[in-house]
Amino acid sequence: MATTNRAEIRTAIHHRIRRKVKGSGEKPRLAIYRSLNHIYAQVIDDRKGQTIVSASSTEKDLRGGTGGNVDAARRIGQAIAERALAKGIDAVVFDRGGYLYHGRIKALTDAARAAGLNKHEVQEEAAGDAPQAKAAPEEKAEKKSKKKKQE
C-alpha cells in the first residue's frame, strides 16, 4: 500500500476539482485555503489569472481571538462577499480547495451567501428545505403508529 500523507491527498483532490471549476470575468472563482491557525479567501478571474478581491484572518480589521475557528470563517465570508459586491461581482463559483465541505469551509460559504453572493442559491435552498422539514415529523409519526399496530 502506498504511503501518502494528508497534504498529498488534499492536493490531488484540489487538482481534480480545479479541472472542473473555472472562474471567468462574469462568474469568478472563490478559492478558499485554510491553515491550522488562519483562513484565506480570494475571488479569482482565471481567464486573466488575476485576484479581484481577497480577505483573510491575518488582516488587522478581520483579526479576532484566533483565525482558526468557525467564527473567523464567518467573518471572512462576510468580508469577501462585501468586497466582491463592491466590485460588482454578485455570483461566484465556489472552490473548496480540496477540503471537505463542513466546518470552517461551510461556515465561510454560508456567510458569503447570506451577505449577498449567489443570491439564487440561498432562495433555492430555502425553498427546497421547507417541504422536507415538514414531511419528516409526519413520517416519524406514521412509523410509530405502524409499530404500535404490529404489536
Protein backbone atom coordinates (compact mmCIF):
# COMPACT_ATOMS: atom_id res chain seq x y z
CA MET A 1 0.00 0.00 0.00
CA ALA A 2 1.35 3.38 -0.96
CA THR A 3 2.11 5.77 1.86
CA THR A 4 0.64 9.19 1.29
CA ASN A 5 0.12 11.95 3.75
CA ARG A 6 -2.96 14.10 4.19
CA ALA A 7 -1.46 17.08 2.32
CA GLU A 8 -0.76 15.00 -0.80
CA ILE A 9 -4.30 13.63 -0.80
CA ARG A 10 -5.77 17.13 -0.42
CA THR A 11 -3.58 18.40 -3.26
CA ALA A 12 -4.76 15.58 -5.54
CA ILE A 13 -8.40 16.34 -4.69
CA HIS A 14 -7.76 20.05 -5.29
CA HIS A 15 -6.31 19.36 -8.75
CA ARG A 16 -9.31 17.17 -9.58
CA ILE A 17 -11.69 19.96 -8.53
CA ARG A 18 -9.73 22.59 -10.48
CA ARG A 19 -10.14 20.60 -13.70
CA LYS A 20 -13.89 21.12 -13.38
CA VAL A 21 -14.18 24.53 -11.66
CA LYS A 22 -13.13 27.51 -13.77
CA GLY A 23 -13.62 31.16 -12.95
CA SER A 24 -14.43 33.76 -15.58
CA GLY A 25 -14.94 37.52 -15.64
CA GLU A 26 -18.71 37.13 -15.25
CA LYS A 27 -18.54 34.40 -12.61
CA PRO A 28 -15.12 34.27 -10.93
CA ARG A 29 -13.87 31.55 -8.61
CA LEU A 30 -13.98 31.93 -4.82
CA ALA A 31 -10.93 29.95 -3.69
CA ILE A 32 -10.58 29.01 -0.04
CA TYR A 33 -7.45 27.99 1.82
CA ARG A 34 -7.37 27.09 5.47
CA SER A 35 -4.38 26.53 7.66
CA LEU A 36 -4.35 25.41 11.25
CA ASN A 37 -4.45 28.99 12.55
CA HIS A 38 -5.97 31.06 9.73
CA ILE A 39 -8.38 31.02 6.80
CA TYR A 40 -7.99 32.82 3.49
CA ALA A 41 -10.40 33.54 0.63
CA GLN A 42 -9.79 35.00 -2.83
CA VAL A 43 -12.07 35.84 -5.73
CA ILE A 44 -10.09 34.99 -8.86
CA ASP A 45 -10.63 35.58 -12.58
CA ASP A 46 -8.91 32.52 -14.09
CA ARG A 47 -9.00 33.84 -17.65
CA LYS A 48 -6.85 36.83 -16.69
CA GLY A 49 -5.03 34.98 -13.91
CA GLN A 50 -5.84 37.84 -11.56
CA THR A 51 -7.09 38.09 -7.98
CA ILE A 52 -10.00 40.53 -7.84
CA VAL A 53 -10.60 40.67 -4.07
CA SER A 54 -9.27 38.81 -1.07
CA ALA A 55 -9.80 38.50 2.67
CA SER A 56 -8.02 36.61 5.40
CA SER A 57 -7.99 36.21 9.14
CA THR A 58 -4.48 37.69 9.23
CA GLU A 59 -5.77 41.15 8.30
CA LYS A 60 -5.83 43.65 11.14
CA ASP A 61 -9.51 44.59 10.61
CA LEU A 62 -10.71 40.96 10.48
CA ARG A 63 -8.47 39.54 13.16
CA GLY A 64 -10.26 38.11 16.17
CA GLY A 65 -9.08 35.98 19.06
CA THR A 66 -7.97 33.29 16.66
CA GLY A 67 -8.31 32.76 12.93
CA GLY A 68 -8.67 29.00 13.08
CA ASN A 69 -12.29 28.71 14.15
CA VAL A 70 -15.80 28.88 12.67
CA ASP A 71 -16.41 32.45 13.87
CA ALA A 72 -13.35 33.65 11.98
CA ALA A 73 -14.55 31.82 8.87
CA ARG A 74 -17.91 33.59 9.13
CA ARG A 75 -16.15 36.97 9.42
CA ILE A 76 -14.05 36.21 6.33
CA GLY A 77 -17.11 35.03 4.37
CA GLN A 78 -18.96 38.24 5.23
CA ALA A 79 -15.94 40.39 4.31
CA ILE A 80 -15.25 38.65 0.99
CA ALA A 81 -18.90 38.99 -0.03
CA GLU A 82 -18.99 42.69 0.81
CA ARG A 83 -15.76 43.34 -1.10
CA ALA A 84 -16.93 41.32 -4.12
CA LEU A 85 -20.29 43.11 -4.21
CA ALA A 86 -18.46 46.46 -4.04
CA LYS A 87 -16.51 45.41 -7.17
CA GLY A 88 -19.76 44.47 -8.93
CA ILE A 89 -19.48 40.69 -8.53
CA ASP A 90 -22.67 39.03 -7.31
CA ALA A 91 -22.14 35.43 -8.47
CA VAL A 92 -19.11 33.20 -7.93
CA VAL A 93 -18.09 29.57 -8.34
CA PHE A 94 -17.01 28.07 -5.01
CA ASP A 95 -13.68 26.23 -4.91
CA ARG A 96 -13.38 24.40 -1.61
CA GLY A 97 -9.69 23.77 -2.23
CA GLY A 98 -9.75 20.02 -1.65
CA TYR A 99 -11.21 20.35 1.84
CA LEU A 100 -14.40 18.63 2.92
CA TYR A 101 -17.47 20.87 2.79
CA HIS A 102 -18.11 21.17 6.51
CA GLY A 103 -16.90 23.19 9.47
CA ARG A 104 -14.95 26.32 8.57
CA ILE A 105 -15.37 25.89 4.80
CA LYS A 106 -19.16 25.57 5.09
CA ALA A 107 -19.33 28.50 7.55
CA LEU A 108 -17.39 30.73 5.16
CA THR A 109 -19.54 29.91 2.12
CA ASP A 110 -22.80 30.18 4.08
CA ALA A 111 -21.77 33.60 5.41
CA ALA A 112 -20.84 34.73 1.89
CA ARG A 113 -24.23 33.59 0.57
CA ALA A 114 -26.05 35.30 3.45
CA ALA A 115 -24.15 38.53 2.70
CA GLY A 116 -25.35 38.54 -0.91
CA LEU A 117 -23.12 36.32 -3.05
CA ASN A 118 -25.08 33.83 -5.20
CA LYS A 119 -28.49 35.02 -4.01
CA HIS A 120 -30.27 32.47 -6.21
CA GLU A 121 -28.64 29.57 -4.29
CA VAL A 122 -29.98 30.77 -0.94
CA GLN A 123 -33.52 31.05 -2.33
CA GLU A 124 -33.37 27.56 -3.90
CA GLU A 125 -32.08 26.01 -0.67
CA ALA A 126 -34.74 27.73 1.43
CA ALA A 127 -37.50 26.61 -0.94
CA GLY A 128 -36.12 23.08 -1.13
CA ASP A 129 -35.62 22.58 2.62
CA ALA A 130 -39.06 23.73 3.82
CA PRO A 131 -41.19 20.85 2.45
CA GLN A 132 -38.73 18.20 3.64
CA ALA A 133 -38.62 19.62 7.17
CA LYS A 134 -42.42 19.45 7.45
CA ALA A 135 -42.63 15.95 5.97
CA ALA A 136 -40.09 14.41 8.34
CA PRO A 137 -42.17 14.61 11.58
CA GLU A 138 -45.21 13.23 9.76
CA GLU A 139 -43.20 10.25 8.52
CA LYS A 140 -41.93 9.56 12.05
CA ALA A 141 -45.48 9.63 13.40
CA GLU A 142 -46.60 7.19 10.70
CA LYS A 143 -43.75 4.79 11.51
CA LYS A 144 -44.58 4.89 15.22
CA SER A 145 -48.26 4.17 14.55
CA LYS A 146 -47.35 1.24 12.27
CA LYS A 147 -45.12 -0.23 15.00
CA LYS A 148 -47.93 0.07 17.54
CA LYS A 149 -50.38 -1.62 15.18
CA GLN A 150 -47.95 -4.53 14.66
CA GLU A 151 -47.60 -5.08 18.42
